[in-house]
């Protein structure tokens, strides 16, 4: 399971069923250039591994300290990046970002937590019966 909790209170906000090698995208609006950007992670056991960063403007990738050459895919500049495997990810909600997670086609609007707040994303192992029950629960 991918659990999204409120960073300050620990309250469970969203839970999404995932499997190993599932793609987890953090979509947001880059605040400096005001353009769409995505940090793509893969589920790697109980960790999220950053594998690429993409945006409609190459400047976003350069601002992030990524080196080219970049590839292009569907109007986005893409930096393939073998990144760290993180046990958890803390995401602060900014005024511009409109951050959302996209997991297996499900959109999780984490920006709704509120500007200045933060969420914590982490993977948890749960019994198969609980995973099946979560799959049957409407989003």
C-alpha atoms as a PDB file:
ATOM      1  CA  UNK A   1       0.000   0.000   0.000  1.00  0.00           C
ATOM      2  CA  UNK A   2       1.060   3.547  -0.641  1.00  0.00           C
ATOM      3  CA  UNK A   3      -0.049   5.585   2.365  1.00  0.00           C
ATOM      4  CA  UNK A   4      -0.320   9.369   2.271  1.00  0.00           C
ATOM      5  CA  UNK A   5      -0.504  10.925   5.742  1.00  0.00           C
ATOM      6  CA  UNK A   6      -0.605  14.482   7.054  1.00  0.00           C
ATOM      7  CA  UNK A   7       2.977  15.242   8.074  1.00  0.00           C
ATOM      8  CA  UNK A   8       2.102  17.134  11.283  1.00  0.00           C
ATOM      9  CA  UNK A   9      -0.759  14.987  12.600  1.00  0.00           C
ATOM     10  CA  UNK A  10      -0.005  11.560  11.110  1.00  0.00           C
ATOM     11  CA  UNK A  11      -3.643  11.278   9.959  1.00  0.00           C
ATOM     12  CA  UNK A  12      -4.098   8.833   7.067  1.00  0.00           C
ATOM     13  CA  UNK A  13      -5.418  10.842   4.103  1.00  0.00           C
ATOM     14  CA  UNK A  14      -5.216   8.393   1.173  1.00  0.00           C
ATOM     15  CA  UNK A  15      -4.283   4.757   0.689  1.00  0.00           C
ATOM     16  CA  UNK A  16      -3.592   3.269  -2.742  1.00  0.00           C
ATOM     17  CA  UNK A  17      -2.825  -0.360  -3.595  1.00  0.00           C
ATOM     18  CA  UNK A  18       0.516  -0.728  -5.408  1.00  0.00           C
ATOM     19  CA  UNK A  19       2.824  -3.526  -6.526  1.00  0.00           C
ATOM     20  CA  UNK A  20       6.542  -3.717  -7.037  1.00  0.00           C
ATOM     21  CA  UNK A  21       7.636  -1.739 -10.141  1.00  0.00           C
ATOM     22  CA  UNK A  22       4.412   0.348 -10.118  1.00  0.00           C
ATOM     23  CA  UNK A  23       4.931   3.868 -11.406  1.00  0.00           C
ATOM     24  CA  UNK A  24       4.182   6.719  -9.002  1.00  0.00           C
ATOM     25  CA  UNK A  25       4.172  10.174 -10.594  1.00  0.00           C
ATOM     26  CA  UNK A  26       4.335  13.391  -8.613  1.00  0.00           C
ATOM     27  CA  UNK A  27       2.789  15.950 -10.977  1.00  0.00           C
ATOM     28  CA  UNK A  28       3.067  19.623 -10.096  1.00  0.00           C
ATOM     29  CA  UNK A  29       3.407  23.114 -11.500  1.00  0.00           C
ATOM     30  CA  UNK A  30       6.959  24.414 -11.266  1.00  0.00           C
ATOM     31  CA  UNK A  31       6.732  27.647  -9.274  1.00  0.00           C
ATOM     32  CA  UNK A  32       9.619  29.440 -10.994  1.00  0.00           C
ATOM     33  CA  UNK A  33       8.576  28.827 -14.609  1.00  0.00           C
ATOM     34  CA  UNK A  34       4.856  28.147 -13.994  1.00  0.00           C
ATOM     35  CA  UNK A  35       4.860  25.038 -16.208  1.00  0.00           C
ATOM     36  CA  UNK A  36       3.940  21.378 -15.633  1.00  0.00           C
ATOM     37  CA  UNK A  37       6.588  19.031 -14.240  1.00  0.00           C
ATOM     38  CA  UNK A  38       6.683  15.411 -13.102  1.00  0.00           C
ATOM     39  CA  UNK A  39       8.979  13.481 -10.793  1.00  0.00           C
ATOM     40  CA  UNK A  40       8.558   9.793 -11.659  1.00  0.00           C
ATOM     41  CA  UNK A  41       9.231   7.100  -9.071  1.00  0.00           C
ATOM     42  CA  UNK A  42       9.051   3.314  -9.239  1.00  0.00           C
ATOM     43  CA  UNK A  43       7.965   1.152  -6.330  1.00  0.00           C
ATOM     44  CA  UNK A  44      11.052  -0.832  -5.320  1.00  0.00           C
ATOM     45  CA  UNK A  45      10.134  -3.083  -2.405  1.00  0.00           C
ATOM     46  CA  UNK A  46       9.198  -0.693   0.412  1.00  0.00           C
ATOM     47  CA  UNK A  47      10.960   2.233  -1.230  1.00  0.00           C
ATOM     48  CA  UNK A  48      10.258   4.772  -3.952  1.00  0.00           C
ATOM     49  CA  UNK A  49      13.095   5.095  -6.474  1.00  0.00           C
ATOM     50  CA  UNK A  50      13.322   8.333  -8.474  1.00  0.00           C
ATOM     51  CA  UNK A  51      13.825   7.365 -12.134  1.00  0.00           C
ATOM     52  CA  UNK A  52      13.146  10.530 -14.127  1.00  0.00           C
ATOM     53  CA  UNK A  53      12.165  14.179 -14.021  1.00  0.00           C
ATOM     54  CA  UNK A  54      10.260  15.806 -16.862  1.00  0.00           C
ATOM     55  CA  UNK A  55       8.769  19.169 -17.804  1.00  0.00           C
ATOM     56  CA  UNK A  56       7.482  21.113 -20.782  1.00  0.00           C
ATOM     57  CA  UNK A  57      10.458  23.501 -20.346  1.00  0.00           C
ATOM     58  CA  UNK A  58      14.056  22.366 -20.404  1.00  0.00           C
ATOM     59  CA  UNK A  59      14.881  25.178 -17.944  1.00  0.00           C
ATOM     60  CA  UNK A  60      13.057  23.279 -15.163  1.00  0.00           C
ATOM     61  CA  UNK A  61      15.460  20.350 -15.538  1.00  0.00           C
ATOM     62  CA  UNK A  62      18.470  22.661 -15.599  1.00  0.00           C
ATOM     63  CA  UNK A  63      17.176  24.496 -12.502  1.00  0.00           C
ATOM     64  CA  UNK A  64      17.010  21.102 -10.735  1.00  0.00           C
ATOM     65  CA  UNK A  65      20.711  20.603 -11.487  1.00  0.00           C
ATOM     66  CA  UNK A  66      20.125  17.869 -14.056  1.00  0.00           C
ATOM     67  CA  UNK A  67      22.490  17.538 -16.972  1.00  0.00           C
ATOM     68  CA  UNK A  68      21.533  16.972 -20.590  1.00  0.00           C
ATOM     69  CA  UNK A  69      21.191  15.857 -23.166  1.00  0.00           C
ATOM     70  CA  UNK A  70      17.509  15.335 -22.449  1.00  0.00           C
ATOM     71  CA  UNK A  71      15.107  13.218 -24.466  1.00  0.00           C
ATOM     72  CA  UNK A  72      11.684  14.404 -25.593  1.00  0.00           C
ATOM     73  CA  UNK A  73       8.413  12.559 -25.024  1.00  0.00           C
ATOM     74  CA  UNK A  74       4.940  13.906 -25.735  1.00  0.00           C
ATOM     75  CA  UNK A  75       5.956  17.570 -25.532  1.00  0.00           C
ATOM     76  CA  UNK A  76       8.066  17.063 -22.387  1.00  0.00           C
ATOM     77  CA  UNK A  77      11.813  17.225 -21.888  1.00  0.00           C
ATOM     78  CA  UNK A  78      12.834  14.118 -19.925  1.00  0.00           C
ATOM     79  CA  UNK A  79      15.887  13.530 -17.748  1.00  0.00           C
ATOM     80  CA  UNK A  80      16.321   9.826 -17.063  1.00  0.00           C
ATOM     81  CA  UNK A  81      17.792   9.805 -13.612  1.00  0.00           C
ATOM     82  CA  UNK A  82      18.764   6.791 -11.580  1.00  0.00           C
ATOM     83  CA  UNK A  83      17.986   8.389  -8.261  1.00  0.00           C
ATOM     84  CA  UNK A  84      17.881   7.414  -4.639  1.00  0.00           C
ATOM     85  CA  UNK A  85      15.456   4.857  -3.209  1.00  0.00           C
ATOM     86  CA  UNK A  86      13.526   6.631  -0.466  1.00  0.00           C
ATOM     87  CA  UNK A  87      11.766   4.983   2.458  1.00  0.00           C
ATOM     88  CA  UNK A  88       9.447   7.985   2.616  1.00  0.00           C
ATOM     89  CA  UNK A  89       8.856  11.206   0.771  1.00  0.00           C
ATOM     90  CA  UNK A  90       7.711  14.437   2.406  1.00  0.00           C
ATOM     91  CA  UNK A  91       5.987  16.900   0.085  1.00  0.00           C
ATOM     92  CA  UNK A  92       5.277  20.478   1.183  1.00  0.00           C
ATOM     93  CA  UNK A  93       2.250  22.050  -0.475  1.00  0.00           C
ATOM     94  CA  UNK A  94       3.122  25.374  -2.073  1.00  0.00           C
ATOM     95  CA  UNK A  95       0.965  28.181  -3.405  1.00  0.00           C
ATOM     96  CA  UNK A  96       1.658  27.353  -7.050  1.00  0.00           C
ATOM     97  CA  UNK A  97       2.392  23.628  -7.098  1.00  0.00           C
ATOM     98  CA  UNK A  98      -1.043  21.956  -7.235  1.00  0.00           C
ATOM     99  CA  UNK A  99       0.803  18.700  -6.407  1.00  0.00           C
ATOM    100  CA  UNK A 100      -0.907  15.449  -7.252  1.00  0.00           C
ATOM    101  CA  UNK A 101       0.176  11.833  -7.171  1.00  0.00           C
ATOM    102  CA  UNK A 102      -0.817   9.590 -10.058  1.00  0.00           C
ATOM    103  CA  UNK A 103      -0.695   5.912  -9.153  1.00  0.00           C
ATOM    104  CA  UNK A 104      -2.072   3.215 -11.440  1.00  0.00           C
ATOM    105  CA  UNK A 105      -4.371   5.721 -13.127  1.00  0.00           C
ATOM    106  CA  UNK A 106      -5.691   7.063  -9.810  1.00  0.00           C
ATOM    107  CA  UNK A 107      -5.143  10.774  -9.154  1.00  0.00           C
ATOM    108  CA  UNK A 108      -4.490  11.728  -5.533  1.00  0.00           C
ATOM    109  CA  UNK A 109      -4.928  15.526  -5.099  1.00  0.00           C
ATOM    110  CA  UNK A 110      -2.447  16.059  -2.265  1.00  0.00           C
ATOM    111  CA  UNK A 111      -2.586  19.852  -2.778  1.00  0.00           C
ATOM    112  CA  UNK A 112      -6.026  19.764  -1.129  1.00  0.00           C
ATOM    113  CA  UNK A 113      -4.296  19.393   2.262  1.00  0.00           C
ATOM    114  CA  UNK A 114      -3.635  23.138   2.077  1.00  0.00           C
ATOM    115  CA  UNK A 115      -0.892  25.631   1.305  1.00  0.00           C
ATOM    116  CA  UNK A 116       1.957  25.448   3.809  1.00  0.00           C
ATOM    117  CA  UNK A 117       0.985  21.944   4.947  1.00  0.00           C
ATOM    118  CA  UNK A 118       2.935  18.802   4.099  1.00  0.00           C
ATOM    119  CA  UNK A 119       2.150  15.168   3.409  1.00  0.00           C
ATOM    120  CA  UNK A 120       4.289  12.111   3.955  1.00  0.00           C
ATOM    121  CA  UNK A 121       4.236   9.312   1.378  1.00  0.00           C
ATOM    122  CA  UNK A 122       5.427   5.867   2.387  1.00  0.00           C
ATOM    123  CA  UNK A 123       4.956   2.270   1.356  1.00  0.00           C
ATOM    124  CA  UNK A 124       3.531  -0.254   3.798  1.00  0.00           C
ATOM    125  CA  UNK A 125       3.122  -4.014   3.596  1.00  0.00           C
ATOM    126  CA  UNK A 126      -0.391  -5.089   4.485  1.00  0.00           C
ATOM    127  CA  UNK A 127      -2.138  -8.472   4.577  1.00  0.00           C
ATOM    128  CA  UNK A 128      -3.576  -9.521   1.215  1.00  0.00           C
ATOM    129  CA  UNK A 129      -7.163  -9.440   2.564  1.00  0.00           C
ATOM    130  CA  UNK A 130      -6.756  -5.776   3.532  1.00  0.00           C
ATOM    131  CA  UNK A 131      -5.313  -4.982   0.094  1.00  0.00           C
ATOM    132  CA  UNK A 132      -8.312  -6.658  -1.574  1.00  0.00           C
ATOM    133  CA  UNK A 133     -10.737  -4.736   0.636  1.00  0.00           C
ATOM    134  CA  UNK A 134      -8.974  -1.460  -0.236  1.00  0.00           C
ATOM    135  CA  UNK A 135      -9.281  -2.299  -3.944  1.00  0.00           C
ATOM    136  CA  UNK A 136     -13.040  -2.656  -3.522  1.00  0.00           C
ATOM    137  CA  UNK A 137     -13.365   0.688  -1.731  1.00  0.00           C
ATOM    138  CA  UNK A 138     -14.386   3.508  -4.110  1.00  0.00           C
ATOM    139  CA  UNK A 139     -11.689   6.203  -4.616  1.00  0.00           C
END
